[in-house]
N, C-alpha and C. Protein backbone atom coordinates (compact mmCIF):
# COMPACT_ATOMS: atom_id res chain seq x y z
N MET A 1 0.82 -1.20 0.00
CA MET A 1 0.00 0.00 0.00
C MET A 1 0.86 1.26 0.00
N ASN A 2 2.03 1.18 0.63
CA ASN A 2 2.88 2.37 0.68
C ASN A 2 3.26 2.84 -0.72
N SER A 3 3.48 1.91 -1.64
CA SER A 3 3.87 2.33 -2.98
C SER A 3 2.69 2.98 -3.71
N VAL A 4 1.50 2.50 -3.47
CA VAL A 4 0.30 3.06 -4.12
C VAL A 4 0.07 4.50 -3.66
N PHE A 5 0.24 4.72 -2.35
CA PHE A 5 -0.03 6.05 -1.78
C PHE A 5 1.24 6.84 -1.50
N ARG A 6 2.34 6.46 -2.14
CA ARG A 6 3.65 7.07 -1.90
C ARG A 6 3.62 8.59 -1.93
N GLU A 7 2.98 9.16 -2.94
CA GLU A 7 2.97 10.63 -3.08
C GLU A 7 2.35 11.31 -1.86
N LEU A 8 1.21 10.82 -1.40
CA LEU A 8 0.54 11.42 -0.24
C LEU A 8 1.34 11.17 1.04
N LEU A 9 1.94 9.99 1.16
CA LEU A 9 2.75 9.69 2.34
C LEU A 9 3.96 10.61 2.42
N TYR A 10 4.64 10.82 1.29
CA TYR A 10 5.82 11.69 1.27
C TYR A 10 5.48 13.14 1.56
N GLN A 11 4.28 13.55 1.16
CA GLN A 11 3.85 14.92 1.42
C GLN A 11 3.39 15.10 2.87
N GLY A 12 3.24 14.00 3.57
CA GLY A 12 2.84 14.06 4.97
C GLY A 12 1.36 14.31 5.17
N VAL A 13 0.55 14.08 4.14
CA VAL A 13 -0.89 14.31 4.26
C VAL A 13 -1.67 13.01 4.46
N LEU A 14 -0.94 11.90 4.52
CA LEU A 14 -1.57 10.61 4.75
C LEU A 14 -0.69 9.82 5.70
N ALA A 15 -1.33 9.20 6.67
CA ALA A 15 -0.61 8.31 7.58
C ALA A 15 -1.28 6.95 7.49
N ASN A 16 -0.48 5.90 7.49
CA ASN A 16 -1.09 4.58 7.48
C ASN A 16 -0.30 3.60 8.34
N HIS A 17 -1.04 2.66 8.89
CA HIS A 17 -0.46 1.55 9.62
C HIS A 17 -1.30 0.34 9.27
N MET A 18 -0.66 -0.65 8.64
CA MET A 18 -1.36 -1.85 8.18
C MET A 18 -2.48 -1.40 7.23
N ASP A 19 -3.73 -1.61 7.60
CA ASP A 19 -4.82 -1.22 6.70
C ASP A 19 -5.59 -0.01 7.22
N ASN A 20 -4.98 0.77 8.09
CA ASN A 20 -5.61 1.98 8.61
C ASN A 20 -5.01 3.21 7.94
N PHE A 21 -5.87 4.05 7.39
CA PHE A 21 -5.41 5.28 6.74
C PHE A 21 -6.02 6.47 7.47
N VAL A 22 -5.21 7.48 7.68
CA VAL A 22 -5.67 8.71 8.32
C VAL A 22 -5.17 9.88 7.50
N ILE A 23 -6.05 10.84 7.30
CA ILE A 23 -5.67 12.08 6.60
C ILE A 23 -5.81 13.20 7.62
N PRO A 24 -4.73 13.51 8.35
CA PRO A 24 -4.81 14.58 9.34
C PRO A 24 -4.82 15.94 8.66
N SER A 25 -5.69 16.82 9.10
CA SER A 25 -5.74 18.16 8.52
C SER A 25 -6.25 19.14 9.56
N LYS A 26 -5.89 20.39 9.37
CA LYS A 26 -6.30 21.43 10.31
C LYS A 26 -7.64 22.07 9.96
N THR A 27 -7.98 22.03 8.66
CA THR A 27 -9.24 22.65 8.24
C THR A 27 -10.07 21.66 7.42
N LYS A 28 -11.37 21.96 7.32
CA LYS A 28 -12.26 21.11 6.52
C LYS A 28 -11.88 21.16 5.04
N LYS A 29 -11.50 22.33 4.58
CA LYS A 29 -11.12 22.50 3.17
C LYS A 29 -9.89 21.65 2.84
N GLU A 30 -8.91 21.69 3.72
CA GLU A 30 -7.70 20.89 3.54
C GLU A 30 -8.04 19.40 3.56
N LEU A 31 -8.89 18.99 4.49
CA LEU A 31 -9.30 17.59 4.59
C LEU A 31 -10.01 17.15 3.31
N GLU A 32 -10.89 17.99 2.81
CA GLU A 32 -11.63 17.66 1.59
C GLU A 32 -10.68 17.49 0.41
N LYS A 33 -9.72 18.39 0.28
CA LYS A 33 -8.75 18.34 -0.82
C LYS A 33 -7.98 17.02 -0.80
N TRP A 34 -7.44 16.64 0.37
CA TRP A 34 -6.61 15.44 0.45
C TRP A 34 -7.46 14.17 0.41
N THR A 35 -8.68 14.23 0.87
CA THR A 35 -9.56 13.07 0.78
C THR A 35 -9.89 12.78 -0.68
N ILE A 36 -10.13 13.82 -1.45
CA ILE A 36 -10.40 13.65 -2.89
C ILE A 36 -9.18 13.05 -3.59
N CYS A 37 -7.99 13.54 -3.27
CA CYS A 37 -6.75 12.98 -3.84
C CYS A 37 -6.62 11.50 -3.48
N PHE A 38 -6.87 11.18 -2.22
CA PHE A 38 -6.80 9.80 -1.74
C PHE A 38 -7.79 8.92 -2.50
N LEU A 39 -9.03 9.38 -2.63
CA LEU A 39 -10.05 8.59 -3.30
C LEU A 39 -9.78 8.42 -4.80
N LYS A 40 -9.15 9.39 -5.42
CA LYS A 40 -8.76 9.25 -6.83
C LYS A 40 -7.72 8.15 -7.00
N ILE A 41 -6.78 8.08 -6.07
CA ILE A 41 -5.77 7.02 -6.12
C ILE A 41 -6.43 5.66 -5.88
N VAL A 42 -7.36 5.62 -4.93
CA VAL A 42 -8.11 4.38 -4.65
C VAL A 42 -8.81 3.91 -5.92
N GLU A 43 -9.48 4.84 -6.58
CA GLU A 43 -10.22 4.50 -7.81
C GLU A 43 -9.26 4.04 -8.91
N LYS A 44 -8.16 4.74 -9.08
CA LYS A 44 -7.18 4.42 -10.12
C LYS A 44 -6.65 2.99 -9.97
N HIS A 45 -6.50 2.54 -8.74
CA HIS A 45 -5.92 1.22 -8.47
C HIS A 45 -7.00 0.16 -8.15
N ASN A 46 -8.25 0.52 -8.38
CA ASN A 46 -9.38 -0.40 -8.16
C ASN A 46 -9.38 -1.00 -6.75
N LEU A 47 -9.10 -0.17 -5.79
CA LEU A 47 -9.14 -0.61 -4.40
C LEU A 47 -10.53 -0.41 -3.84
N CYS A 48 -10.86 -1.16 -2.83
CA CYS A 48 -12.16 -0.95 -2.18
C CYS A 48 -12.00 -1.10 -0.68
N PHE A 49 -12.90 -0.48 0.06
CA PHE A 49 -12.88 -0.48 1.52
C PHE A 49 -14.27 -0.84 2.02
N LYS A 50 -14.33 -1.47 3.17
CA LYS A 50 -15.62 -1.77 3.79
C LYS A 50 -16.20 -0.47 4.33
N GLN A 51 -17.41 -0.16 3.92
CA GLN A 51 -18.05 1.08 4.34
C GLN A 51 -18.15 1.18 5.86
N LEU A 52 -18.42 0.07 6.53
CA LEU A 52 -18.56 0.08 7.99
C LEU A 52 -17.26 0.47 8.70
N LYS A 53 -16.12 0.25 8.03
CA LYS A 53 -14.83 0.57 8.65
C LYS A 53 -14.35 1.97 8.30
N CYS A 54 -15.08 2.67 7.46
CA CYS A 54 -14.67 4.02 7.04
C CYS A 54 -15.30 5.06 7.97
N ASN A 55 -14.53 6.05 8.32
CA ASN A 55 -15.00 7.12 9.19
C ASN A 55 -14.50 8.44 8.60
N PHE A 56 -15.39 9.18 7.98
CA PHE A 56 -15.00 10.44 7.36
C PHE A 56 -15.33 11.61 8.29
N ASN A 57 -14.52 12.65 8.21
CA ASN A 57 -14.72 13.89 8.98
C ASN A 57 -14.70 13.67 10.49
N ALA A 58 -13.96 12.69 10.95
CA ALA A 58 -13.86 12.45 12.39
C ALA A 58 -12.99 13.55 13.01
N LYS A 59 -13.42 14.06 14.14
CA LYS A 59 -12.65 15.11 14.82
C LYS A 59 -11.45 14.54 15.54
N GLU A 60 -11.59 13.31 16.05
CA GLU A 60 -10.52 12.68 16.81
C GLU A 60 -10.50 11.20 16.49
N ILE A 61 -9.30 10.66 16.20
CA ILE A 61 -9.17 9.26 15.85
C ILE A 61 -8.03 8.64 16.66
N PRO A 62 -8.34 7.70 17.55
CA PRO A 62 -7.25 6.99 18.24
C PRO A 62 -6.69 5.89 17.33
N ILE A 63 -5.38 5.89 17.14
CA ILE A 63 -4.72 4.88 16.32
C ILE A 63 -3.53 4.35 17.11
N LEU A 64 -3.52 3.06 17.33
CA LEU A 64 -2.47 2.45 18.15
C LEU A 64 -2.41 3.17 19.49
N VAL A 65 -1.35 3.91 19.72
CA VAL A 65 -1.20 4.60 21.01
C VAL A 65 -1.14 6.11 20.84
N VAL A 66 -1.64 6.61 19.70
CA VAL A 66 -1.68 8.05 19.47
C VAL A 66 -3.09 8.46 19.08
N VAL A 67 -3.35 9.75 19.19
CA VAL A 67 -4.63 10.32 18.77
C VAL A 67 -4.34 11.36 17.71
N VAL A 68 -5.12 11.35 16.65
CA VAL A 68 -4.99 12.34 15.59
C VAL A 68 -6.23 13.22 15.64
N GLU A 69 -6.02 14.53 15.76
CA GLU A 69 -7.14 15.48 15.78
C GLU A 69 -6.71 16.78 15.13
N GLN A 70 -7.44 17.22 14.16
CA GLN A 70 -7.19 18.48 13.46
C GLN A 70 -5.73 18.67 13.08
N GLY A 71 -5.14 17.66 12.47
CA GLY A 71 -3.77 17.75 11.99
C GLY A 71 -2.71 17.61 13.06
N GLU A 72 -3.11 17.39 14.29
CA GLU A 72 -2.18 17.23 15.42
C GLU A 72 -2.15 15.76 15.82
N VAL A 73 -1.00 15.30 16.30
CA VAL A 73 -0.86 13.93 16.77
C VAL A 73 -0.30 13.97 18.19
N TRP A 74 -0.92 13.21 19.11
CA TRP A 74 -0.40 13.14 20.47
C TRP A 74 -0.69 11.78 21.06
N MET A 75 -0.05 11.49 22.17
CA MET A 75 -0.24 10.20 22.85
C MET A 75 -1.56 10.17 23.58
N GLU A 76 -2.13 8.96 23.68
CA GLU A 76 -3.31 8.77 24.51
C GLU A 76 -2.93 9.03 25.97
N ASN A 77 -3.85 9.60 26.74
CA ASN A 77 -3.56 9.98 28.12
C ASN A 77 -3.07 8.82 28.98
N ASP A 78 -3.64 7.62 28.79
CA ASP A 78 -3.20 6.50 29.61
C ASP A 78 -1.77 6.08 29.30
N LYS A 79 -1.34 6.28 28.06
CA LYS A 79 0.05 5.97 27.69
C LYS A 79 1.00 7.01 28.30
N VAL A 80 0.59 8.28 28.29
CA VAL A 80 1.41 9.33 28.91
C VAL A 80 1.62 9.00 30.39
N LYS A 81 0.53 8.65 31.06
CA LYS A 81 0.61 8.32 32.47
C LYS A 81 1.54 7.13 32.71
N ALA A 82 1.43 6.11 31.86
CA ALA A 82 2.28 4.92 32.00
C ALA A 82 3.75 5.27 31.85
N VAL A 83 4.08 6.14 30.91
CA VAL A 83 5.48 6.53 30.71
C VAL A 83 5.97 7.35 31.90
N ILE A 84 5.17 8.28 32.37
CA ILE A 84 5.55 9.10 33.52
C ILE A 84 5.84 8.21 34.73
N GLU A 85 5.03 7.17 34.91
CA GLU A 85 5.18 6.30 36.07
C GLU A 85 6.17 5.15 35.85
N TRP A 86 6.77 5.08 34.67
CA TRP A 86 7.70 3.99 34.35
C TRP A 86 8.88 4.05 35.32
N LYS A 87 9.11 2.98 36.02
CA LYS A 87 10.18 2.91 37.03
C LYS A 87 11.55 2.76 36.36
N THR A 88 12.57 3.24 37.05
CA THR A 88 13.94 3.08 36.59
C THR A 88 14.26 1.59 36.47
N SER A 89 14.93 1.23 35.41
CA SER A 89 15.26 -0.16 35.15
C SER A 89 16.23 -0.72 36.19
N THR A 90 16.05 -2.00 36.49
CA THR A 90 16.95 -2.68 37.42
C THR A 90 17.67 -3.85 36.76
N LYS A 91 17.33 -4.11 35.50
CA LYS A 91 18.01 -5.17 34.75
C LYS A 91 17.88 -4.90 33.25
N ILE A 92 18.71 -5.57 32.49
CA ILE A 92 18.78 -5.36 31.03
C ILE A 92 17.42 -5.57 30.36
N LYS A 93 16.69 -6.60 30.75
CA LYS A 93 15.38 -6.87 30.14
C LYS A 93 14.44 -5.69 30.28
N GLU A 94 14.51 -4.96 31.40
CA GLU A 94 13.65 -3.79 31.60
C GLU A 94 14.07 -2.64 30.68
N VAL A 95 15.37 -2.50 30.46
CA VAL A 95 15.86 -1.48 29.52
C VAL A 95 15.36 -1.82 28.12
N GLU A 96 15.45 -3.08 27.74
CA GLU A 96 14.98 -3.52 26.43
C GLU A 96 13.48 -3.26 26.27
N SER A 97 12.71 -3.55 27.30
CA SER A 97 11.25 -3.30 27.24
C SER A 97 10.95 -1.83 27.03
N PHE A 98 11.64 -0.98 27.78
CA PHE A 98 11.42 0.46 27.63
C PHE A 98 11.78 0.92 26.22
N LEU A 99 12.92 0.46 25.70
CA LEU A 99 13.34 0.88 24.37
C LEU A 99 12.39 0.35 23.29
N LYS A 100 11.88 -0.86 23.46
CA LYS A 100 10.91 -1.39 22.49
C LYS A 100 9.65 -0.52 22.48
N PHE A 101 9.22 -0.09 23.66
CA PHE A 101 8.07 0.80 23.73
C PHE A 101 8.39 2.15 23.09
N ALA A 102 9.53 2.71 23.46
CA ALA A 102 9.91 4.06 23.02
C ALA A 102 10.17 4.14 21.52
N ILE A 103 10.62 3.04 20.92
CA ILE A 103 11.01 3.09 19.51
C ILE A 103 9.84 3.47 18.61
N PHE A 104 8.61 3.16 19.03
CA PHE A 104 7.45 3.56 18.24
C PHE A 104 7.42 5.07 18.06
N TYR A 105 7.86 5.80 19.06
CA TYR A 105 7.78 7.25 19.05
C TYR A 105 8.99 7.92 18.41
N GLN A 106 9.93 7.14 17.90
CA GLN A 106 11.14 7.73 17.32
C GLN A 106 10.82 8.70 16.19
N TRP A 107 9.72 8.46 15.48
CA TRP A 107 9.36 9.34 14.36
C TRP A 107 8.90 10.71 14.84
N PHE A 108 8.49 10.80 16.10
CA PHE A 108 8.00 12.06 16.66
C PHE A 108 9.08 12.78 17.46
N LEU A 109 10.20 12.12 17.73
CA LEU A 109 11.20 12.68 18.63
C LEU A 109 12.49 13.00 17.90
N LYS A 110 12.85 14.25 17.93
CA LYS A 110 14.10 14.68 17.32
C LYS A 110 15.27 14.08 18.10
N ASN A 111 16.25 13.56 17.39
CA ASN A 111 17.46 12.98 17.96
C ASN A 111 17.21 11.75 18.82
N PHE A 112 16.17 10.99 18.49
CA PHE A 112 15.84 9.80 19.28
C PHE A 112 17.05 8.88 19.43
N SER A 113 17.69 8.53 18.33
CA SER A 113 18.81 7.58 18.38
C SER A 113 19.95 8.10 19.23
N TYR A 114 20.22 9.38 19.12
CA TYR A 114 21.30 9.99 19.91
C TYR A 114 20.97 9.92 21.41
N ILE A 115 19.74 10.23 21.77
CA ILE A 115 19.32 10.22 23.18
C ILE A 115 19.33 8.79 23.72
N ALA A 116 18.88 7.84 22.91
CA ALA A 116 18.77 6.44 23.36
C ALA A 116 20.10 5.69 23.32
N ARG A 117 21.12 6.27 22.72
CA ARG A 117 22.39 5.57 22.55
C ARG A 117 22.94 4.98 23.85
N PRO A 118 23.00 5.73 24.96
CA PRO A 118 23.54 5.13 26.18
C PRO A 118 22.76 3.88 26.63
N LEU A 119 21.44 3.90 26.48
CA LEU A 119 20.64 2.75 26.87
C LEU A 119 20.90 1.56 25.95
N ASN A 120 21.09 1.84 24.67
CA ASN A 120 21.43 0.76 23.74
C ASN A 120 22.81 0.18 24.03
N GLU A 121 23.75 1.04 24.45
CA GLU A 121 25.08 0.56 24.83
C GLU A 121 24.99 -0.32 26.08
N LEU A 122 24.15 0.08 27.02
CA LEU A 122 23.98 -0.69 28.25
C LEU A 122 23.46 -2.09 27.95
N LYS A 123 22.60 -2.22 26.96
CA LYS A 123 22.06 -3.54 26.60
C LYS A 123 23.16 -4.51 26.19
N ARG A 124 24.24 -4.00 25.61
CA ARG A 124 25.32 -4.86 25.11
C ARG A 124 26.33 -5.23 26.20
N LYS A 125 26.26 -4.58 27.35
CA LYS A 125 27.23 -4.86 28.41
C LYS A 125 26.89 -6.18 29.10
N LYS A 126 27.93 -6.88 29.52
CA LYS A 126 27.74 -8.16 30.19
C LYS A 126 27.38 -7.98 31.66
N LYS A 127 27.91 -6.93 32.27
CA LYS A 127 27.66 -6.71 33.69
C LYS A 127 26.73 -5.50 33.86
N TRP A 128 25.68 -5.69 34.65
CA TRP A 128 24.70 -4.63 34.91
C TRP A 128 25.27 -3.59 35.88
N ARG A 129 25.19 -2.34 35.48
CA ARG A 129 25.56 -1.24 36.37
C ARG A 129 24.86 0.01 35.87
N TRP A 130 23.86 0.46 36.61
CA TRP A 130 23.08 1.64 36.23
C TRP A 130 23.85 2.89 36.64
N GLU A 131 24.30 3.65 35.67
CA GLU A 131 25.09 4.85 35.93
C GLU A 131 24.26 6.09 35.62
N ASN A 132 24.79 7.23 36.00
CA ASN A 132 24.12 8.51 35.80
C ASN A 132 23.77 8.76 34.34
N LYS A 133 24.68 8.39 33.41
CA LYS A 133 24.42 8.65 31.99
C LYS A 133 23.20 7.86 31.49
N TYR A 134 22.97 6.67 32.06
CA TYR A 134 21.80 5.88 31.68
C TYR A 134 20.53 6.51 32.25
N GLN A 135 20.62 6.98 33.46
CA GLN A 135 19.46 7.63 34.09
C GLN A 135 19.09 8.89 33.30
N LYS A 136 20.11 9.66 32.89
CA LYS A 136 19.84 10.88 32.12
C LYS A 136 19.15 10.56 30.80
N ALA A 137 19.63 9.53 30.11
CA ALA A 137 19.02 9.14 28.83
C ALA A 137 17.59 8.65 29.04
N PHE A 138 17.38 7.85 30.07
CA PHE A 138 16.05 7.34 30.41
C PHE A 138 15.09 8.48 30.71
N ASP A 139 15.52 9.42 31.56
CA ASP A 139 14.67 10.56 31.92
C ASP A 139 14.39 11.46 30.72
N LYS A 140 15.40 11.67 29.89
CA LYS A 140 15.22 12.54 28.74
C LYS A 140 14.22 11.93 27.74
N LEU A 141 14.33 10.63 27.51
CA LEU A 141 13.38 9.97 26.62
C LEU A 141 11.96 10.04 27.19
N LYS A 142 11.83 9.78 28.48
CA LYS A 142 10.50 9.85 29.10
C LYS A 142 9.92 11.26 28.94
N LYS A 143 10.75 12.27 29.16
CA LYS A 143 10.27 13.65 29.05
C LYS A 143 9.86 13.98 27.61
N LYS A 144 10.67 13.58 26.67
CA LYS A 144 10.36 13.87 25.26
C LYS A 144 9.10 13.12 24.79
N ILE A 145 8.94 11.89 25.24
CA ILE A 145 7.78 11.11 24.84
C ILE A 145 6.49 11.72 25.41
N THR A 146 6.56 12.24 26.60
CA THR A 146 5.34 12.72 27.27
C THR A 146 5.07 14.20 27.09
N SER A 147 5.92 14.90 26.37
CA SER A 147 5.66 16.35 26.20
C SER A 147 5.36 16.70 24.76
């Protein structure tokens, strides 16, 4: 599907995950314009969608762990709370779990890889030792994810 909708995806006017498509927009006029473009591509490629699964002109759409509303994307409140309350890791498996969760948000976070680097380095160490640099990286990622 990415190749079919490549132009809209590259322009940032279409988001998709598996078989879910979202056209985030700030105004009704903008939404109408991009919806028409989307539907023309659908028609050109003889694609079809189940009417029951289609939701047009929705003000707010929860997708995975984010909400899309009027061209804005943010985390669901329960996910924000979970990240805020995430305890400091005490073993490598907990660091891996946090990074697996956080990696979804890498597209929204500037310098994600740079910030997460110390935690990724810690995963490769044979002996566990939580140092200040790991705590700083953990706290910075939590702050960036929740703000």
